[in-house]
Amino acid sequence: GRDLVIDLRRAAAVDARITADLSSRFGAGVRML
């Protein structure tokens, strides 16, 4: 039941399309930093 957090603060490069895909697969049960 704990939150699922994807921490992007130290990512060198992030593809917005991939972030959108991860967000849709996990749904509301994930937070991104």
Full PDB file with SEQRES, HELIX, SHEET, SSBOND, CRYST1, ORIGX, SCALE, CONECT and MASTER records, all heavy atoms in Angstrom:
SEQRES   1 A   33  GLY ARG ASP LEU VAL ILE ASP LEU ARG ARG ALA ALA ALA          
SEQRES   2 A   33  VAL ASP ALA ARG ILE THR ALA ASP LEU SER SER ARG PHE          
SEQRES   3 A   33  GLY ALA GLY VAL ARG MET LEU                                  
HELIX    1 AA1 ALA A   16  PHE A   26  1                                  11    
HELIX    2 AA2 GLY A   27  GLY A   29  5                                   3    
SHEET    1 AA1 2 LEU A   4  ILE A   6  0                                        
SHEET    2 AA1 2 VAL A  30  MET A  32  1                                        
CRYST1    1.000    1.000    1.000  90.00  90.00  90.00 P 1           1          
ORIGX1      1.000000  0.000000  0.000000        0.00000                         
ORIGX2      0.000000  1.000000  0.000000        0.00000                         
ORIGX3      0.000000  0.000000  1.000000        0.00000                         
SCALE1      1.000000  0.000000  0.000000        0.00000                         
SCALE2      0.000000  1.000000  0.000000        0.00000                         
SCALE3      0.000000  0.000000  1.000000        0.00000                         
ATOM      1  N   GLY A   1       0.776  -1.236   0.000  1.00  0.00           N  
ATOM      2  CA  GLY A   1       0.000   0.000   0.000  1.00  0.00           C  
ATOM      3  C   GLY A   1       0.805   1.282   0.000  1.00  0.00           C  
ATOM      4  O   GLY A   1       0.233   2.371   0.021  1.00  0.00           O  
ATOM      5  N   ARG A   2       2.118   1.186   0.030  1.00  0.00           N  
ATOM      6  CA  ARG A   2       2.940   2.399   0.012  1.00  0.00           C  
ATOM      7  C   ARG A   2       2.923   3.043  -1.369  1.00  0.00           C  
ATOM      8  O   ARG A   2       2.642   2.386  -2.369  1.00  0.00           O  
ATOM      9  CB  ARG A   2       4.386   2.085   0.394  1.00  0.00           C  
ATOM     10  CG  ARG A   2       4.523   1.662   1.837  1.00  0.00           C  
ATOM     11  CD  ARG A   2       5.946   1.365   2.180  1.00  0.00           C  
ATOM     12  NE  ARG A   2       6.324   0.093   1.553  1.00  0.00           N  
ATOM     13  CZ  ARG A   2       7.550  -0.388   1.550  1.00  0.00           C  
ATOM     14  NH1 ARG A   2       8.530   0.289   2.115  1.00  0.00           N  
ATOM     15  NH2 ARG A   2       7.821  -1.537   0.988  1.00  0.00           N  
ATOM     16  N   ASP A   3       3.255   4.330  -1.416  1.00  0.00           N  
ATOM     17  CA  ASP A   3       3.329   5.042  -2.684  1.00  0.00           C  
ATOM     18  C   ASP A   3       4.458   4.481  -3.536  1.00  0.00           C  
ATOM     19  O   ASP A   3       5.459   3.977  -3.022  1.00  0.00           O  
ATOM     20  CB  ASP A   3       3.613   6.530  -2.457  1.00  0.00           C  
ATOM     21  CG  ASP A   3       2.435   7.268  -1.867  1.00  0.00           C  
ATOM     22  OD1 ASP A   3       1.313   6.738  -1.914  1.00  0.00           O  
ATOM     23  OD2 ASP A   3       2.646   8.376  -1.353  1.00  0.00           O  
ATOM     24  N   LEU A   4       4.291   4.601  -4.841  1.00  0.00           N  
ATOM     25  CA  LEU A   4       5.330   4.273  -5.803  1.00  0.00           C  
ATOM     26  C   LEU A   4       5.827   5.604  -6.339  1.00  0.00           C  
ATOM     27  O   LEU A   4       5.035   6.404  -6.839  1.00  0.00           O  
ATOM     28  CB  LEU A   4       4.727   3.433  -6.928  1.00  0.00           C  
ATOM     29  CG  LEU A   4       5.593   2.422  -7.610  1.00  0.00           C  
ATOM     30  CD1 LEU A   4       6.063   1.376  -6.614  1.00  0.00           C  
ATOM     31  CD2 LEU A   4       4.831   1.752  -8.722  1.00  0.00           C  
ATOM     32  N   VAL A   5       7.127   5.893  -6.201  1.00  0.00           N  
ATOM     33  CA  VAL A   5       7.686   7.178  -6.603  1.00  0.00           C  
ATOM     34  C   VAL A   5       8.785   6.944  -7.634  1.00  0.00           C  
ATOM     35  O   VAL A   5       9.685   6.139  -7.403  1.00  0.00           O  
ATOM     36  CB  VAL A   5       8.264   7.936  -5.379  1.00  0.00           C  
ATOM     37  CG1 VAL A   5       8.910   9.237  -5.806  1.00  0.00           C  
ATOM     38  CG2 VAL A   5       7.193   8.178  -4.343  1.00  0.00           C  
ATOM     39  N   ILE A   6       8.700   7.648  -8.758  1.00  0.00           N  
ATOM     40  CA  ILE A   6       9.766   7.625  -9.755  1.00  0.00           C  
ATOM     41  C   ILE A   6      10.497   8.950  -9.630  1.00  0.00           C  
ATOM     42  O   ILE A   6       9.945  10.012  -9.913  1.00  0.00           O  
ATOM     43  CB  ILE A   6       9.223   7.408 -11.176  1.00  0.00           C  
ATOM     44  CG1 ILE A   6       8.523   6.060 -11.255  1.00  0.00           C  
ATOM     45  CG2 ILE A   6      10.352   7.503 -12.194  1.00  0.00           C  
ATOM     46  CD1 ILE A   6       7.899   5.741 -12.580  1.00  0.00           C  
ATOM     47  N   ASP A   7      11.728   8.879  -9.175  1.00  0.00           N  
ATOM     48  CA  ASP A   7      12.545  10.056  -8.884  1.00  0.00           C  
ATOM     49  C   ASP A   7      13.424  10.370 -10.092  1.00  0.00           C  
ATOM     50  O   ASP A   7      14.385   9.666 -10.369  1.00  0.00           O  
ATOM     51  CB  ASP A   7      13.396   9.772  -7.649  1.00  0.00           C  
ATOM     52  CG  ASP A   7      14.131  10.993  -7.134  1.00  0.00           C  
ATOM     53  OD1 ASP A   7      14.205  12.008  -7.863  1.00  0.00           O  
ATOM     54  OD2 ASP A   7      14.641  10.929  -6.005  1.00  0.00           O  
ATOM     55  N   LEU A   8      13.087  11.448 -10.811  1.00  0.00           N  
ATOM     56  CA  LEU A   8      13.804  11.839 -12.026  1.00  0.00           C  
ATOM     57  C   LEU A   8      14.812  12.958 -11.782  1.00  0.00           C  
ATOM     58  O   LEU A   8      15.383  13.476 -12.726  1.00  0.00           O  
ATOM     59  CB  LEU A   8      12.793  12.282 -13.093  1.00  0.00           C  
ATOM     60  CG  LEU A   8      11.752  11.245 -13.488  1.00  0.00           C  
ATOM     61  CD1 LEU A   8      10.651  11.881 -14.304  1.00  0.00           C  
ATOM     62  CD2 LEU A   8      12.414  10.118 -14.234  1.00  0.00           C  
ATOM     63  N   ARG A   9      15.037  13.333 -10.518  1.00  0.00           N  
ATOM     64  CA  ARG A   9      15.893  14.484 -10.229  1.00  0.00           C  
ATOM     65  C   ARG A   9      17.323  14.291 -10.684  1.00  0.00           C  
ATOM     66  O   ARG A   9      17.999  15.247 -11.028  1.00  0.00           O  
ATOM     67  CB  ARG A   9      15.870  14.797  -8.730  1.00  0.00           C  
ATOM     68  CG  ARG A   9      14.505  15.278  -8.269  1.00  0.00           C  
ATOM     69  CD  ARG A   9      14.472  15.498  -6.794  1.00  0.00           C  
ATOM     70  NE  ARG A   9      14.601  14.206  -6.120  1.00  0.00           N  
ATOM     71  CZ  ARG A   9      14.664  14.065  -4.812  1.00  0.00           C  
ATOM     72  NH1 ARG A   9      14.638  15.132  -4.036  1.00  0.00           N  
ATOM     73  NH2 ARG A   9      14.760  12.870  -4.268  1.00  0.00           N  
ATOM     74  N   ARG A  10      17.841  13.067 -10.698  1.00  0.00           N  
ATOM     75  CA  ARG A  10      19.224  12.822 -11.110  1.00  0.00           C  
ATOM     76  C   ARG A  10      19.328  12.255 -12.520  1.00  0.00           C  
ATOM     77  O   ARG A  10      20.403  11.828 -12.933  1.00  0.00           O  
ATOM     78  CB  ARG A  10      19.903  11.881 -10.128  1.00  0.00           C  
ATOM     79  CG  ARG A  10      20.064  12.511  -8.770  1.00  0.00           C  
ATOM     80  CD  ARG A  10      20.864  11.637  -7.884  1.00  0.00           C  
ATOM     81  NE  ARG A  10      21.029  12.299  -6.601  1.00  0.00           N  
ATOM     82  CZ  ARG A  10      21.919  11.958  -5.720  1.00  0.00           C  
ATOM     83  NH1 ARG A  10      22.730  10.961  -5.953  1.00  0.00           N  
ATOM     84  NH2 ARG A  10      22.009  12.604  -4.580  1.00  0.00           N  
ATOM     85  N   ALA A  11      18.234  12.242 -13.232  1.00  0.00           N  
ATOM     86  CA  ALA A  11      18.253  11.739 -14.606  1.00  0.00           C  
ATOM     87  C   ALA A  11      18.961  12.746 -15.507  1.00  0.00           C  
ATOM     88  O   ALA A  11      18.715  13.949 -15.421  1.00  0.00           O  
ATOM     89  CB  ALA A  11      16.833  11.508 -15.098  1.00  0.00           C  
ATOM     90  N   ALA A  12      19.857  12.243 -16.344  1.00  0.00           N  
ATOM     91  CA  ALA A  12      20.608  13.118 -17.242  1.00  0.00           C  
ATOM     92  C   ALA A  12      19.735  13.606 -18.390  1.00  0.00           C  
ATOM     93  O   ALA A  12      19.796  14.770 -18.774  1.00  0.00           O  
ATOM     94  CB  ALA A  12      21.827  12.378 -17.782  1.00  0.00           C  
ATOM     95  N   ALA A  13      18.939  12.729 -18.937  1.00  0.00           N  
ATOM     96  CA  ALA A  13      18.048  13.074 -20.037  1.00  0.00           C  
ATOM     97  C   ALA A  13      16.772  12.259 -19.865  1.00  0.00           C  
ATOM     98  O   ALA A  13      16.821  11.083 -19.541  1.00  0.00           O  
ATOM     99  CB  ALA A  13      18.698  12.751 -21.373  1.00  0.00           C  
ATOM    100  N   VAL A  14      15.645  12.924 -20.070  1.00  0.00           N  
ATOM    101  CA  VAL A  14      14.364  12.256 -19.896  1.00  0.00           C  
ATOM    102  C   VAL A  14      13.527  12.498 -21.143  1.00  0.00           C  
ATOM    103  O   VAL A  14      13.342  13.634 -21.558  1.00  0.00           O  
ATOM    104  CB  VAL A  14      13.610  12.787 -18.658  1.00  0.00           C  
ATOM    105  CG1 VAL A  14      12.289  12.080 -18.482  1.00  0.00           C  
ATOM    106  CG2 VAL A  14      14.459  12.634 -17.415  1.00  0.00           C  
ATOM    107  N   ASP A  15      13.030  11.433 -21.728  1.00  0.00           N  
ATOM    108  CA  ASP A  15      12.137  11.523 -22.874  1.00  0.00           C  
ATOM    109  C   ASP A  15      10.716  11.674 -22.340  1.00  0.00           C  
ATOM    110  O   ASP A  15      10.224  10.806 -21.619  1.00  0.00           O  
ATOM    111  CB  ASP A  15      12.278  10.257 -23.728  1.00  0.00           C  
ATOM    112  CG  ASP A  15      11.501  10.330 -25.019  1.00  0.00           C  
ATOM    113  OD1 ASP A  15      10.624  11.204 -25.157  1.00  0.00           O  
ATOM    114  OD2 ASP A  15      11.776   9.500 -25.907  1.00  0.00           O  
ATOM    115  N   ALA A  16      10.053  12.774 -22.681  1.00  0.00           N  
ATOM    116  CA  ALA A  16       8.710  13.047 -22.163  1.00  0.00           C  
ATOM    117  C   ALA A  16       7.727  11.971 -22.591  1.00  0.00           C  
ATOM    118  O   ALA A  16       6.804  11.629 -21.847  1.00  0.00           O  
ATOM    119  CB  ALA A  16       8.237  14.419 -22.624  1.00  0.00           C  
ATOM    120  N   ARG A  17       7.912  11.389 -23.767  1.00  0.00           N  
ATOM    121  CA  ARG A  17       7.028  10.332 -24.257  1.00  0.00           C  
ATOM    122  C   ARG A  17       7.103   9.103 -23.351  1.00  0.00           C  
ATOM    123  O   ARG A  17       6.092   8.487 -23.026  1.00  0.00           O  
ATOM    124  CB  ARG A  17       7.421   9.984 -25.692  1.00  0.00           C  
ATOM    125  CG  ARG A  17       6.593   8.934 -26.349  1.00  0.00           C  
ATOM    126  CD  ARG A  17       7.040   8.708 -27.793  1.00  0.00           C  
ATOM    127  NE  ARG A  17       8.491   8.605 -27.964  1.00  0.00           N  
ATOM    128  CZ  ARG A  17       9.200   7.497 -27.778  1.00  0.00           C  
ATOM    129  NH1 ARG A  17       8.603   6.392 -27.387  1.00  0.00           N  
ATOM    130  NH2 ARG A  17      10.493   7.483 -27.957  1.00  0.00           N  
ATOM    131  N   ILE A  18       8.303   8.766 -22.904  1.00  0.00           N  
ATOM    132  CA  ILE A  18       8.490   7.611 -22.017  1.00  0.00           C  
ATOM    133  C   ILE A  18       7.882   7.894 -20.647  1.00  0.00           C  
ATOM    134  O   ILE A  18       7.262   7.023 -20.042  1.00  0.00           O  
ATOM    135  CB  ILE A  18       9.984   7.251 -21.912  1.00  0.00           C  
ATOM    136  CG1 ILE A  18      10.467   6.736 -23.266  1.00  0.00           C  
ATOM    137  CG2 ILE A  18      10.233   6.232 -20.819  1.00  0.00           C  
ATOM    138  CD1 ILE A  18      11.949   6.527 -23.357  1.00  0.00           C  
ATOM    139  N   THR A  19       8.032   9.117 -20.165  1.00  0.00           N  
ATOM    140  CA  THR A  19       7.430   9.500 -18.886  1.00  0.00           C  
ATOM    141  C   THR A  19       5.911   9.373 -18.959  1.00  0.00           C  
ATOM    142  O   THR A  19       5.279   8.868 -18.024  1.00  0.00           O  
ATOM    143  CB  THR A  19       7.824  10.937 -18.515  1.00  0.00           C  
ATOM    144  OG1 THR A  19       9.235  11.043 -18.517  1.00  0.00           O  
ATOM    145  CG2 THR A  19       7.297  11.326 -17.158  1.00  0.00           C  
ATOM    146  N   ALA A  20       5.314   9.817 -20.074  1.00  0.00           N  
ATOM    147  CA  ALA A  20       3.866   9.701 -20.249  1.00  0.00           C  
ATOM    148  C   ALA A  20       3.444   8.235 -20.278  1.00  0.00           C  
ATOM    149  O   ALA A  20       2.414   7.867 -19.705  1.00  0.00           O  
ATOM    150  CB  ALA A  20       3.437  10.407 -21.529  1.00  0.00           C  
ATOM    151  N   ASP A  21       4.249   7.387 -20.921  1.00  0.00           N  
ATOM    152  CA  ASP A  21       3.939   5.957 -20.985  1.00  0.00           C  
ATOM    153  C   ASP A  21       3.988   5.328 -19.590  1.00  0.00           C  
ATOM    154  O   ASP A  21       3.091   4.570 -19.213  1.00  0.00           O  
ATOM    155  CB  ASP A  21       4.912   5.250 -21.928  1.00  0.00           C  
ATOM    156  CG  ASP A  21       4.584   3.780 -22.090  1.00  0.00           C  
ATOM    157  OD1 ASP A  21       3.392   3.451 -22.294  1.00  0.00           O  
ATOM    158  OD2 ASP A  21       5.514   2.956 -22.011  1.00  0.00           O  
ATOM    159  N   LEU A  22       5.028   5.650 -18.806  1.00  0.00           N  
ATOM    160  CA  LEU A  22       5.119   5.122 -17.435  1.00  0.00           C  
ATOM    161  C   LEU A  22       3.945   5.599 -16.594  1.00  0.00           C  
ATOM    162  O   LEU A  22       3.366   4.834 -15.823  1.00  0.00           O  
ATOM    163  CB  LEU A  22       6.436   5.544 -16.787  1.00  0.00           C  
ATOM    164  CG  LEU A  22       7.699   4.838 -17.259  1.00  0.00           C  
ATOM    165  CD1 LEU A  22       8.922   5.475 -16.631  1.00  0.00           C  
ATOM    166  CD2 LEU A  22       7.642   3.363 -16.923  1.00  0.00           C  
ATOM    167  N   SER A  23       3.588   6.860 -16.751  1.00  0.00           N  
ATOM    168  CA  SER A  23       2.481   7.430 -15.992  1.00  0.00           C  
ATOM    169  C   SER A  23       1.172   6.714 -16.318  1.00  0.00           C  
ATOM    170  O   SER A  23       0.390   6.401 -15.423  1.00  0.00           O  
ATOM    171  CB  SER A  23       2.361   8.921 -16.304  1.00  0.00           C  
ATOM    172  OG  SER A  23       1.264   9.484 -15.639  1.00  0.00           O  
ATOM    173  N   SER A  24       0.948   6.415 -17.590  1.00  0.00           N  
ATOM    174  CA  SER A  24      -0.300   5.751 -17.973  1.00  0.00           C  
ATOM    175  C   SER A  24      -0.315   4.283 -17.525  1.00  0.00           C  
ATOM    176  O   SER A  24      -1.349   3.760 -17.144  1.00  0.00           O  
ATOM    177  CB  SER A  24      -0.524   5.846 -19.477  1.00  0.00           C  
ATOM    178  OG  SER A  24       0.449   5.100 -20.172  1.00  0.00           O  
ATOM    179  N   ARG A  25       0.834   3.614 -17.546  1.00  0.00           N  
ATOM    180  CA  ARG A  25       0.873   2.205 -17.129  1.00  0.00           C  
ATOM    181  C   ARG A  25       0.661   2.046 -15.631  1.00  0.00           C  
ATOM    182  O   ARG A  25       0.029   1.105 -15.182  1.00  0.00           O  
ATOM    183  CB  ARG A  25       2.198   1.569 -17.531  1.00  0.00           C  
ATOM    184  CG  ARG A  25       2.277   1.328 -19.011  1.00  0.00           C  
ATOM    185  CD  ARG A  25       3.543   0.596 -19.328  1.00  0.00           C  
ATOM    186  NE  ARG A  25       3.733   0.553 -20.753  1.00  0.00           N  
ATOM    187  CZ  ARG A  25       4.017  -0.565 -21.400  1.00  0.00           C  
ATOM    188  NH1 ARG A  25       4.139  -1.696 -20.741  1.00  0.00           N  
ATOM    189  NH2 ARG A  25       4.198  -0.541 -22.689  1.00  0.00           N  
ATOM    190  N   PHE A  26       1.242   2.971 -14.840  1.00  0.00           N  
ATOM    191  CA  PHE A  26       1.082   2.886 -13.390  1.00  0.00           C  
ATOM    192  C   PHE A  26      -0.221   3.523 -12.925  1.00  0.00           C  
ATOM    193  O   PHE A  26      -0.708   3.229 -11.848  1.00  0.00           O  
ATOM    194  CB  PHE A  26       2.257   3.551 -12.673  1.00  0.00           C  
ATOM    195  CG  PHE A  26       3.519   2.755 -12.702  1.00  0.00           C  
ATOM    196  CD1 PHE A  26       4.663   3.261 -13.272  1.00  0.00           C  
ATOM    197  CD2 PHE A  26       3.567   1.485 -12.151  1.00  0.00           C  
ATOM    198  CE1 PHE A  26       5.839   2.531 -13.297  1.00  0.00           C  
ATOM    199  CE2 PHE A  26       4.736   0.740 -12.170  1.00  0.00           C  
ATOM    200  CZ  PHE A  26       5.872   1.273 -12.747  1.00  0.00           C  
ATOM    201  N   GLY A  27      -0.748   4.452 -13.702  1.00  0.00           N  
ATOM    202  CA  GLY A  27      -1.993   5.126 -13.341  1.00  0.00           C  
ATOM    203  C   GLY A  27      -1.802   6.089 -12.186  1.00  0.00           C  
ATOM    204  O   GLY A  27      -0.734   6.664 -11.995  1.00  0.00           O  
ATOM    205  N   ALA A  28      -2.830   6.221 -11.381  1.00  0.00           N  
ATOM    206  CA  ALA A  28      -2.810   7.183 -10.274  1.00  0.00           C  
ATOM    207  C   ALA A  28      -1.947   6.717  -9.119  1.00  0.00           C  
ATOM    208  O   ALA A  28      -1.674   7.479  -8.206  1.00  0.00           O  
ATOM    209  CB  ALA A  28      -4.223   7.447  -9.790  1.00  0.00           C  
ATOM    210  N   GLY A  29      -1.482   5.475  -9.152  1.00  0.00           N  
ATOM    211  CA  GLY A  29      -0.708   4.940  -8.038  1.00  0.00           C  
ATOM    212  C   GLY A  29       0.752   5.308  -8.048  1.00  0.00           C  
ATOM    213  O   GLY A  29       1.535   4.726  -7.304  1.00  0.00           O  
ATOM    214  N   VAL A  30       1.157   6.263  -8.858  1.00  0.00           N  
ATOM    215  CA  VAL A  30       2.564   6.646  -8.918  1.00  0.00           C  
ATOM    216  C   VAL A  30       2.698   8.164  -8.843  1.00  0.00           C  
ATOM    217  O   VAL A  30       1.849   8.896  -9.335  1.00  0.00           O  
ATOM    218  CB  VAL A  30       3.231   6.101 -10.215  1.00  0.00           C  
ATOM    219  CG1 VAL A  30       2.713   6.806 -11.443  1.00  0.00           C  
ATOM    220  CG2 VAL A  30       4.737   6.218 -10.147  1.00  0.00           C  
ATOM    221  N   ARG A  31       3.751   8.596  -8.167  1.00  0.00           N  
ATOM    222  CA  ARG A  31       4.133  10.012  -8.159  1.00  0.00           C  
ATOM    223  C   ARG A  31       5.494  10.116  -8.829  1.00  0.00           C  
ATOM    224  O   ARG A  31       6.313   9.202  -8.726  1.00  0.00           O  
ATOM    225  CB  ARG A  31       4.276  10.549  -6.731  1.00  0.00           C  
ATOM    226  CG  ARG A  31       3.002  10.874  -6.071  1.00  0.00           C  
ATOM    227  CD  ARG A  31       3.198  11.538  -4.717  1.00  0.00           C  
ATOM    228  NE  ARG A  31       4.160  10.856  -3.861  1.00  0.00           N  
ATOM    229  CZ  ARG A  31       5.244  11.441  -3.329  1.00  0.00           C  
ATOM    230  NH1 ARG A  31       5.512  12.697  -3.551  1.00  0.00           N  
ATOM    231  NH2 ARG A  31       6.045  10.755  -2.548  1.00  0.00           N  
ATOM    232  N   MET A  32       5.748  11.225  -9.481  1.00  0.00           N  
ATOM    233  CA  MET A  32       7.045  11.460 -10.090  1.00  0.00           C  
ATOM    234  C   MET A  32       7.637  12.720  -9.483  1.00  0.00           C  
ATOM    235  O   MET A  32       6.930  13.692  -9.249  1.00  0.00           O  
ATOM    236  CB  MET A  32       6.908  11.599 -11.599  1.00  0.00           C  
ATOM    237  CG  MET A  32       6.419  10.341 -12.239  1.00  0.00           C  
ATOM    238  SD  MET A  32       6.553  10.404 -14.014  1.00  0.00           S  
ATOM    239  CE  MET A  32       5.744   8.885 -14.439  1.00  0.00           C  
ATOM    240  N   LEU A  33       8.943  12.665  -9.223  1.00  0.00           N  
ATOM    241  CA  LEU A  33       9.662  13.825  -8.705  1.00  0.00           C  
ATOM    242  C   LEU A  33      10.583  14.331  -9.803  1.00  0.00           C  
ATOM    243  O   LEU A  33      11.254  13.538 -10.456  1.00  0.00           O  
ATOM    244  CB  LEU A  33      10.489  13.447  -7.477  1.00  0.00           C  
ATOM    245  CG  LEU A  33       9.721  12.952  -6.261  1.00  0.00           C  
ATOM    246  CD1 LEU A  33      10.703  12.556  -5.161  1.00  0.00           C  
ATOM    247  CD2 LEU A  33       8.771  14.012  -5.764  1.00  0.00           C  
TER     248      LEU A  33                                                      
MASTER        0    0    0    2    2    0    0    6  247    1    0    3          
END                                                                             
